[in-house]
Amino acid sequence: MENRYQQWQRGYEWKYINQTKELYIMNEVIKNIELWGEAKGILPNPDKMAQWNKTLEEVEELKDAIESNNLEEAKDAIGDIVVTLVMQCGGWGLSLDECVESAYNVISKRTGKMVDGQFVKDA
């Protein structure tokens, strides 16, 4: 019979395997997005303003999905937003990982509170 530590360790190992698998899959998806961008002639030198406009278009689609409470449309819009951000990253010679990590390093130190469903940072 397993003791509590062995049960915890088995659970931890399972969680680690799942997280590693999810990271691998996400990295593969991002790589496929980059390859798609190259095949379509967007990368390696996308028009940054064109990508900005495309991102805004997709954000509007997300807003519409939120307003209509449409899960499938929200899923599609969020995915499309990520694709436009990957293209934008390529224009700056950055990776999505770098940008997200940079943002996290800033927000992880922020203090603030929730006001009307939105986080408001302290001054």
C-alpha atoms as a PDB file:
ATOM      1  CA  MET A   1       0.000   0.000   0.000  1.00  0.00           C
ATOM      2  CA  GLU A   2       1.286   3.477  -0.904  1.00  0.00           C
ATOM      3  CA  ASN A   3       1.974   5.962   1.830  1.00  0.00           C
ATOM      4  CA  ARG A   4       0.884   9.604   1.537  1.00  0.00           C
ATOM      5  CA  TYR A   5       4.290  10.676   0.177  1.00  0.00           C
ATOM      6  CA  GLN A   6       4.174   8.030  -2.548  1.00  0.00           C
ATOM      7  CA  GLN A   7       0.643   9.129  -3.482  1.00  0.00           C
ATOM      8  CA  TRP A   8       1.796  12.784  -3.600  1.00  0.00           C
ATOM      9  CA  GLN A   9       4.868  11.846  -5.644  1.00  0.00           C
ATOM     10  CA  ARG A  10       2.774   9.853  -8.138  1.00  0.00           C
ATOM     11  CA  GLY A  11       0.372  12.798  -8.456  1.00  0.00           C
ATOM     12  CA  TYR A  12       3.271  15.246  -8.862  1.00  0.00           C
ATOM     13  CA  GLU A  13       4.893  13.088 -11.541  1.00  0.00           C
ATOM     14  CA  TRP A  14       1.586  12.848 -13.435  1.00  0.00           C
ATOM     15  CA  LYS A  15       1.129  16.620 -13.229  1.00  0.00           C
ATOM     16  CA  TYR A  16       4.716  17.179 -14.431  1.00  0.00           C
ATOM     17  CA  ILE A  17       4.241  14.800 -17.381  1.00  0.00           C
ATOM     18  CA  ASN A  18       0.988  16.528 -18.361  1.00  0.00           C
ATOM     19  CA  GLN A  19       2.532  20.009 -18.094  1.00  0.00           C
ATOM     20  CA  THR A  20       5.555  18.938 -20.128  1.00  0.00           C
ATOM     21  CA  LYS A  21       3.274  17.426 -22.769  1.00  0.00           C
ATOM     22  CA  GLU A  22       1.154  20.604 -22.906  1.00  0.00           C
ATOM     23  CA  LEU A  23       4.272  22.784 -23.286  1.00  0.00           C
ATOM     24  CA  TYR A  24       5.556  20.524 -26.053  1.00  0.00           C
ATOM     25  CA  ILE A  25       2.223  20.678 -27.871  1.00  0.00           C
ATOM     26  CA  MET A  26       2.032  24.482 -27.504  1.00  0.00           C
ATOM     27  CA  ASN A  27       5.594  24.882 -28.778  1.00  0.00           C
ATOM     28  CA  GLU A  28       4.734  22.684 -31.758  1.00  0.00           C
ATOM     29  CA  VAL A  29       1.592  24.717 -32.490  1.00  0.00           C
ATOM     30  CA  ILE A  30       3.553  27.986 -32.356  1.00  0.00           C
ATOM     31  CA  LYS A  31       6.201  26.500 -34.659  1.00  0.00           C
ATOM     32  CA  ASN A  32       3.443  25.454 -37.075  1.00  0.00           C
ATOM     33  CA  ILE A  33       1.993  28.989 -36.945  1.00  0.00           C
ATOM     34  CA  GLU A  34       5.424  30.395 -37.801  1.00  0.00           C
ATOM     35  CA  LEU A  35       5.805  27.937 -40.683  1.00  0.00           C
ATOM     36  CA  TRP A  36       2.326  28.898 -41.917  1.00  0.00           C
ATOM     37  CA  GLY A  37       3.346  32.576 -41.732  1.00  0.00           C
ATOM     38  CA  GLU A  38       6.454  31.847 -43.790  1.00  0.00           C
ATOM     39  CA  ALA A  39       4.465  29.853 -46.356  1.00  0.00           C
ATOM     40  CA  LYS A  40       1.987  32.739 -46.723  1.00  0.00           C
ATOM     41  CA  GLY A  41       4.786  35.311 -47.092  1.00  0.00           C
ATOM     42  CA  ILE A  42       3.972  37.064 -43.821  1.00  0.00           C
ATOM     43  CA  LEU A  43       7.189  36.039 -42.081  1.00  0.00           C
ATOM     44  CA  PRO A  44      10.042  36.748 -41.748  1.00  0.00           C
ATOM     45  CA  ASN A  45       9.269  40.446 -42.324  1.00  0.00           C
ATOM     46  CA  PRO A  46       5.606  41.171 -41.636  1.00  0.00           C
ATOM     47  CA  ASP A  47       4.158  44.641 -42.023  1.00  0.00           C
ATOM     48  CA  LYS A  48       3.836  45.577 -38.357  1.00  0.00           C
ATOM     49  CA  MET A  49       0.925  47.967 -38.896  1.00  0.00           C
ATOM     50  CA  ALA A  50      -0.923  45.410 -41.015  1.00  0.00           C
ATOM     51  CA  GLN A  51      -0.514  42.883 -38.211  1.00  0.00           C
ATOM     52  CA  TRP A  52      -1.659  45.500 -35.702  1.00  0.00           C
ATOM     53  CA  ASN A  53      -4.812  46.068 -37.753  1.00  0.00           C
ATOM     54  CA  LYS A  54      -5.400  42.324 -38.035  1.00  0.00           C
ATOM     55  CA  THR A  55      -5.032  41.961 -34.271  1.00  0.00           C
ATOM     56  CA  LEU A  56      -7.606  44.731 -33.725  1.00  0.00           C
ATOM     57  CA  GLU A  57      -9.996  42.991 -36.137  1.00  0.00           C
ATOM     58  CA  GLU A  58      -9.662  39.745 -34.191  1.00  0.00           C
ATOM     59  CA  VAL A  59     -10.099  41.531 -30.850  1.00  0.00           C
ATOM     60  CA  GLU A  60     -13.370  42.986 -32.166  1.00  0.00           C
ATOM     61  CA  GLU A  61     -14.452  39.456 -33.066  1.00  0.00           C
ATOM     62  CA  LEU A  62     -13.680  38.396 -29.493  1.00  0.00           C
ATOM     63  CA  LYS A  63     -15.776  41.299 -28.192  1.00  0.00           C
ATOM     64  CA  ASP A  64     -18.666  40.162 -30.390  1.00  0.00           C
ATOM     65  CA  ALA A  65     -18.289  36.597 -29.100  1.00  0.00           C
ATOM     66  CA  ILE A  66     -18.312  37.822 -25.498  1.00  0.00           C
ATOM     67  CA  GLU A  67     -21.393  39.945 -26.097  1.00  0.00           C
ATOM     68  CA  SER A  68     -23.235  37.012 -27.683  1.00  0.00           C
ATOM     69  CA  ASN A  69     -21.813  34.523 -25.138  1.00  0.00           C
ATOM     70  CA  ASN A  70     -20.625  32.316 -28.023  1.00  0.00           C
ATOM     71  CA  LEU A  71     -17.943  29.923 -26.790  1.00  0.00           C
ATOM     72  CA  GLU A  72     -16.927  28.628 -30.240  1.00  0.00           C
ATOM     73  CA  GLU A  73     -16.552  32.143 -31.644  1.00  0.00           C
ATOM     74  CA  ALA A  74     -14.543  33.187 -28.570  1.00  0.00           C
ATOM     75  CA  LYS A  75     -12.252  30.180 -29.000  1.00  0.00           C
ATOM     76  CA  ASP A  76     -11.712  31.028 -32.673  1.00  0.00           C
ATOM     77  CA  ALA A  77     -11.088  34.720 -31.951  1.00  0.00           C
ATOM     78  CA  ILE A  78      -8.606  34.016 -29.145  1.00  0.00           C
ATOM     79  CA  GLY A  79      -6.718  31.611 -31.409  1.00  0.00           C
ATOM     80  CA  ASP A  80      -6.684  34.161 -34.222  1.00  0.00           C
ATOM     81  CA  ILE A  81      -5.380  36.823 -31.833  1.00  0.00           C
ATOM     82  CA  VAL A  82      -2.509  34.533 -30.850  1.00  0.00           C
ATOM     83  CA  VAL A  83      -1.703  33.932 -34.533  1.00  0.00           C
ATOM     84  CA  THR A  84      -1.517  37.691 -35.191  1.00  0.00           C
ATOM     85  CA  LEU A  85       0.687  38.142 -32.132  1.00  0.00           C
ATOM     86  CA  VAL A  86       3.060  35.408 -33.321  1.00  0.00           C
ATOM     87  CA  MET A  87       3.313  37.265 -36.653  1.00  0.00           C
ATOM     88  CA  GLN A  88       3.929  40.556 -34.798  1.00  0.00           C
ATOM     89  CA  CYS A  89       6.655  38.914 -32.710  1.00  0.00           C
ATOM     90  CA  GLY A  90       8.339  37.799 -35.923  1.00  0.00           C
ATOM     91  CA  GLY A  91       8.428  41.390 -37.108  1.00  0.00           C
ATOM     92  CA  TRP A  92      10.419  42.382 -34.060  1.00  0.00           C
ATOM     93  CA  GLY A  93      12.683  39.331 -34.024  1.00  0.00           C
ATOM     94  CA  LEU A  94      11.063  38.137 -30.798  1.00  0.00           C
ATOM     95  CA  SER A  95       9.390  34.947 -29.716  1.00  0.00           C
ATOM     96  CA  LEU A  96       5.968  34.761 -28.111  1.00  0.00           C
ATOM     97  CA  ASP A  97       7.624  33.102 -25.110  1.00  0.00           C
ATOM     98  CA  GLU A  98       9.971  36.076 -24.654  1.00  0.00           C
ATOM     99  CA  CYS A  99       7.112  38.552 -24.766  1.00  0.00           C
ATOM    100  CA  VAL A 100       4.865  36.628 -22.387  1.00  0.00           C
ATOM    101  CA  GLU A 101       7.727  36.045 -19.955  1.00  0.00           C
ATOM    102  CA  SER A 102       8.627  39.749 -20.066  1.00  0.00           C
ATOM    103  CA  ALA A 103       5.022  40.706 -19.303  1.00  0.00           C
ATOM    104  CA  TYR A 104       4.790  38.162 -16.489  1.00  0.00           C
ATOM    105  CA  ASN A 105       7.998  39.457 -14.916  1.00  0.00           C
ATOM    106  CA  VAL A 106       6.332  42.885 -14.700  1.00  0.00           C
ATOM    107  CA  ILE A 107       2.838  41.856 -13.598  1.00  0.00           C
ATOM    108  CA  SER A 108       4.056  39.329 -11.033  1.00  0.00           C
ATOM    109  CA  LYS A 109       5.340  42.219  -8.919  1.00  0.00           C
ATOM    110  CA  ARG A 110       2.216  44.368  -9.220  1.00  0.00           C
ATOM    111  CA  THR A 111      -0.130  45.053  -6.405  1.00  0.00           C
ATOM    112  CA  GLY A 112      -3.684  46.215  -6.753  1.00  0.00           C
ATOM    113  CA  LYS A 113      -7.277  45.146  -6.370  1.00  0.00           C
ATOM    114  CA  MET A 114     -10.296  44.065  -8.344  1.00  0.00           C
ATOM    115  CA  VAL A 115     -12.740  46.874  -9.185  1.00  0.00           C
ATOM    116  CA  ASP A 116     -15.895  46.053 -11.134  1.00  0.00           C
ATOM    117  CA  GLY A 117     -14.386  42.822 -12.465  1.00  0.00           C
ATOM    118  CA  GLN A 118     -11.117  44.406 -13.567  1.00  0.00           C
ATOM    119  CA  PHE A 119      -7.697  44.396 -11.856  1.00  0.00           C
ATOM    120  CA  VAL A 120      -6.593  47.938 -11.091  1.00  0.00           C
ATOM    121  CA  LYS A 121      -2.909  48.260 -10.237  1.00  0.00           C
ATOM    122  CA  ASP A 122      -1.708  50.418  -7.392  1.00  0.00           C
ATOM    123  CA  ALA A 123      -0.048  53.690  -8.314  1.00  0.00           C
END
